[in-house]
Amino acid sequence: MSHSYSSNRIHLIFSTKNREKRISEELQTKLWPYMAGIARNHGFETIKGGGVEDDAHTLLILSPTVPLSKAIQTIKACSSKWLNETGSAGASFNWQEGYGAFSVSASQTAEVIRYIDNQASHHAKRSYEVEFL
């Protein structure tokens, strides 16, 4: 089809294994851009990455040729490999097995970016467990 349009924005959320606080503020300044590079190198795009000590939020734009499950697997596997190779999150780092993935309309993109930017204050008021469980 020569006249195709796709707008697959996904807000991806996942936590560290056992919700361990392993991602320091200093590490966050390196990890979120690293995860954006993973996306870029695998055919999809990160609009915004962020999170706190025990969870990651990424707003992605998926290509129609990249399945969501593959994008998630790639981001989690490559980032945990990097964290383990550098030792920057301590010994034997792992992400949780599951994730949350939510479609985002173009009109809601700015709101989701603000939400990702404000994770520290958001988590100070409302825990992950209260929000998602």
C-alpha atoms as a PDB file:
ATOM      1  CA  MET A   1       0.000   0.000   0.000  1.00  0.00           C
ATOM      2  CA  SER A   2       1.694   3.204  -1.096  1.00  0.00           C
ATOM      3  CA  HIS A   3      -0.508   5.575   0.927  1.00  0.00           C
ATOM      4  CA  SER A   4      -0.327   4.113   4.399  1.00  0.00           C
ATOM      5  CA  TYR A   5      -0.190   5.999   7.666  1.00  0.00           C
ATOM      6  CA  SER A   6       0.536   4.555  11.069  1.00  0.00           C
ATOM      7  CA  SER A   7       0.619   6.291  14.437  1.00  0.00           C
ATOM      8  CA  ASN A   8       1.486   3.727  17.080  1.00  0.00           C
ATOM      9  CA  ARG A   9       2.328   5.634  20.261  1.00  0.00           C
ATOM     10  CA  ILE A  10       2.747   3.378  23.278  1.00  0.00           C
ATOM     11  CA  HIS A  11       3.383   4.333  26.903  1.00  0.00           C
ATOM     12  CA  LEU A  12       5.475   1.452  28.204  1.00  0.00           C
ATOM     13  CA  ILE A  13       5.940   0.909  31.946  1.00  0.00           C
ATOM     14  CA  PHE A  14       7.970  -1.772  33.706  1.00  0.00           C
ATOM     15  CA  SER A  15       9.754  -2.095  37.016  1.00  0.00           C
ATOM     16  CA  THR A  16      12.918  -3.524  38.434  1.00  0.00           C
ATOM     17  CA  LYS A  17      12.723  -7.096  39.687  1.00  0.00           C
ATOM     18  CA  ASN A  18      11.022  -7.172  43.090  1.00  0.00           C
ATOM     19  CA  ARG A  19      10.646  -3.373  42.805  1.00  0.00           C
ATOM     20  CA  GLU A  20      14.195  -2.963  44.112  1.00  0.00           C
ATOM     21  CA  LYS A  21      15.374   0.655  44.074  1.00  0.00           C
ATOM     22  CA  ARG A  22      18.376   0.108  41.801  1.00  0.00           C
ATOM     23  CA  ILE A  23      18.253   3.066  39.393  1.00  0.00           C
ATOM     24  CA  SER A  24      19.889   6.052  41.095  1.00  0.00           C
ATOM     25  CA  GLU A  25      19.210   9.594  39.904  1.00  0.00           C
ATOM     26  CA  GLU A  26      22.717   9.686  38.426  1.00  0.00           C
ATOM     27  CA  LEU A  27      22.117   6.417  36.584  1.00  0.00           C
ATOM     28  CA  GLN A  28      18.773   7.679  35.286  1.00  0.00           C
ATOM     29  CA  THR A  29      20.580  10.452  33.387  1.00  0.00           C
ATOM     30  CA  LYS A  30      22.423   7.732  31.445  1.00  0.00           C
ATOM     31  CA  LEU A  31      19.830   4.950  31.299  1.00  0.00           C
ATOM     32  CA  TRP A  32      16.917   6.818  29.692  1.00  0.00           C
ATOM     33  CA  PRO A  33      19.053   8.089  26.765  1.00  0.00           C
ATOM     34  CA  TYR A  34      20.622   4.635  26.434  1.00  0.00           C
ATOM     35  CA  MET A  35      17.163   3.092  26.135  1.00  0.00           C
ATOM     36  CA  ALA A  36      16.270   5.685  23.472  1.00  0.00           C
ATOM     37  CA  GLY A  37      19.355   4.583  21.536  1.00  0.00           C
ATOM     38  CA  ILE A  38      18.247   0.952  21.776  1.00  0.00           C
ATOM     39  CA  ALA A  39      14.915   1.904  20.227  1.00  0.00           C
ATOM     40  CA  ARG A  40      16.549   3.932  17.453  1.00  0.00           C
ATOM     41  CA  ASN A  41      18.940   1.090  16.608  1.00  0.00           C
ATOM     42  CA  HIS A  42      16.065  -1.406  16.358  1.00  0.00           C
ATOM     43  CA  GLY A  43      13.684   0.500  14.094  1.00  0.00           C
ATOM     44  CA  PHE A  44      11.411   2.363  16.491  1.00  0.00           C
ATOM     45  CA  GLU A  45      11.583   5.659  18.343  1.00  0.00           C
ATOM     46  CA  THR A  46      11.475   6.967  21.894  1.00  0.00           C
ATOM     47  CA  ILE A  47       9.637  10.250  22.318  1.00  0.00           C
ATOM     48  CA  LYS A  48      10.349  10.413  26.053  1.00  0.00           C
ATOM     49  CA  GLY A  49      11.987   8.168  28.619  1.00  0.00           C
ATOM     50  CA  GLY A  50      12.005   8.528  32.367  1.00  0.00           C
ATOM     51  CA  GLY A  51      11.126   6.949  35.649  1.00  0.00           C
ATOM     52  CA  VAL A  52      12.332   6.575  39.212  1.00  0.00           C
ATOM     53  CA  GLU A  53      14.554   4.244  41.246  1.00  0.00           C
ATOM     54  CA  ASP A  54      12.395   1.192  40.633  1.00  0.00           C
ATOM     55  CA  ASP A  55      10.509   1.706  37.383  1.00  0.00           C
ATOM     56  CA  ALA A  56      10.886   2.881  33.814  1.00  0.00           C
ATOM     57  CA  HIS A  57       8.450   4.785  31.611  1.00  0.00           C
ATOM     58  CA  THR A  58       9.004   5.119  27.891  1.00  0.00           C
ATOM     59  CA  LEU A  59       6.770   6.757  25.307  1.00  0.00           C
ATOM     60  CA  LEU A  60       7.448   4.952  22.040  1.00  0.00           C
ATOM     61  CA  ILE A  61       6.460   5.354  18.426  1.00  0.00           C
ATOM     62  CA  LEU A  62       6.396   1.904  16.886  1.00  0.00           C
ATOM     63  CA  SER A  63       6.912   1.241  13.221  1.00  0.00           C
ATOM     64  CA  PRO A  64       4.217  -0.990  11.692  1.00  0.00           C
ATOM     65  CA  THR A  65       6.957  -3.578  11.139  1.00  0.00           C
ATOM     66  CA  VAL A  66       7.990  -3.794  14.814  1.00  0.00           C
ATOM     67  CA  PRO A  67       5.642  -5.818  17.039  1.00  0.00           C
ATOM     68  CA  LEU A  68       5.060  -4.375  20.505  1.00  0.00           C
ATOM     69  CA  SER A  69       6.273  -7.538  22.229  1.00  0.00           C
ATOM     70  CA  LYS A  70       9.530  -7.422  20.248  1.00  0.00           C
ATOM     71  CA  ALA A  71      10.103  -3.753  21.108  1.00  0.00           C
ATOM     72  CA  ILE A  72       9.576  -4.439  24.813  1.00  0.00           C
ATOM     73  CA  GLN A  73      11.788  -7.519  24.789  1.00  0.00           C
ATOM     74  CA  THR A  74      14.532  -5.572  23.005  1.00  0.00           C
ATOM     75  CA  ILE A  75      14.475  -2.571  25.352  1.00  0.00           C
ATOM     76  CA  LYS A  76      14.439  -4.693  28.493  1.00  0.00           C
ATOM     77  CA  ALA A  77      17.052  -7.225  27.330  1.00  0.00           C
ATOM     78  CA  CYS A  78      19.518  -4.698  25.909  1.00  0.00           C
ATOM     79  CA  SER A  79      19.232  -2.292  28.842  1.00  0.00           C
ATOM     80  CA  SER A  80      19.620  -5.022  31.479  1.00  0.00           C
ATOM     81  CA  LYS A  81      22.636  -6.383  29.580  1.00  0.00           C
ATOM     82  CA  TRP A  82      24.208  -2.909  29.585  1.00  0.00           C
ATOM     83  CA  LEU A  83      23.408  -2.396  33.286  1.00  0.00           C
ATOM     84  CA  ASN A  84      24.998  -5.746  34.142  1.00  0.00           C
ATOM     85  CA  GLU A  85      28.068  -5.164  31.947  1.00  0.00           C
ATOM     86  CA  THR A  86      28.707  -1.738  33.471  1.00  0.00           C
ATOM     87  CA  GLY A  87      27.723  -2.752  37.002  1.00  0.00           C
ATOM     88  CA  SER A  88      26.039   0.629  37.347  1.00  0.00           C
ATOM     89  CA  ALA A  89      22.894  -0.791  39.016  1.00  0.00           C
ATOM     90  CA  GLY A  90      24.731  -3.261  41.232  1.00  0.00           C
ATOM     91  CA  ALA A  91      25.215  -6.978  40.742  1.00  0.00           C
ATOM     92  CA  SER A  92      22.772  -9.142  38.809  1.00  0.00           C
ATOM     93  CA  PHE A  93      20.274  -6.537  37.597  1.00  0.00           C
ATOM     94  CA  ASN A  94      16.940  -7.684  36.162  1.00  0.00           C
ATOM     95  CA  TRP A  95      13.687  -6.084  35.109  1.00  0.00           C
ATOM     96  CA  GLN A  96      10.362  -7.581  36.201  1.00  0.00           C
ATOM     97  CA  GLU A  97       8.833 -10.192  33.891  1.00  0.00           C
ATOM     98  CA  GLY A  98       5.735  -8.201  32.926  1.00  0.00           C
ATOM     99  CA  TYR A  99       4.942  -4.685  31.758  1.00  0.00           C
ATOM    100  CA  GLY A 100       2.160  -2.209  31.144  1.00  0.00           C
ATOM    101  CA  ALA A 101       1.646  -0.919  27.613  1.00  0.00           C
ATOM    102  CA  PHE A 102      -0.959   1.734  26.854  1.00  0.00           C
ATOM    103  CA  SER A 103      -1.827   3.264  23.490  1.00  0.00           C
ATOM    104  CA  VAL A 104      -1.607   7.056  23.390  1.00  0.00           C
ATOM    105  CA  SER A 105      -3.405   9.311  20.926  1.00  0.00           C
ATOM    106  CA  ALA A 106      -1.524  12.161  19.276  1.00  0.00           C
ATOM    107  CA  SER A 107      -3.653  14.638  21.232  1.00  0.00           C
ATOM    108  CA  GLN A 108      -2.552  13.076  24.558  1.00  0.00           C
ATOM    109  CA  THR A 109       1.174  12.919  23.798  1.00  0.00           C
ATOM    110  CA  ALA A 110       2.082  16.140  25.644  1.00  0.00           C
ATOM    111  CA  GLU A 111       0.141  15.005  28.723  1.00  0.00           C
ATOM    112  CA  VAL A 112       1.958  11.649  28.794  1.00  0.00           C
ATOM    113  CA  ILE A 113       5.318  13.419  28.426  1.00  0.00           C
ATOM    114  CA  ARG A 114       4.450  15.596  31.449  1.00  0.00           C
ATOM    115  CA  TYR A 115       3.402  12.471  33.360  1.00  0.00           C
ATOM    116  CA  ILE A 116       6.763  10.808  32.609  1.00  0.00           C
ATOM    117  CA  ASP A 117       8.666  13.989  33.524  1.00  0.00           C
ATOM    118  CA  ASN A 118       6.867  14.164  36.886  1.00  0.00           C
ATOM    119  CA  GLN A 119       7.392  10.580  38.050  1.00  0.00           C
ATOM    120  CA  ALA A 120       9.331  11.489  41.199  1.00  0.00           C
ATOM    121  CA  SER A 121       6.586  13.768  42.536  1.00  0.00           C
ATOM    122  CA  HIS A 122       3.886  11.392  41.297  1.00  0.00           C
ATOM    123  CA  HIS A 123       5.394   8.443  43.190  1.00  0.00           C
ATOM    124  CA  ALA A 124       5.740  10.570  46.319  1.00  0.00           C
ATOM    125  CA  LYS A 125       1.923  10.838  46.351  1.00  0.00           C
ATOM    126  CA  ARG A 126       0.858   7.491  44.926  1.00  0.00           C
ATOM    127  CA  SER A 127       2.679   4.158  44.949  1.00  0.00           C
ATOM    128  CA  TYR A 128       3.027   1.859  41.964  1.00  0.00           C
ATOM    129  CA  GLU A 129       0.952  -0.753  43.766  1.00  0.00           C
ATOM    130  CA  VAL A 130      -1.936   1.656  44.344  1.00  0.00           C
ATOM    131  CA  GLU A 131      -1.837   2.861  40.757  1.00  0.00           C
ATOM    132  CA  PHE A 132      -1.541  -0.430  38.887  1.00  0.00           C
ATOM    133  CA  LEU A 133      -2.546  -3.287  41.166  1.00  0.00           C
END
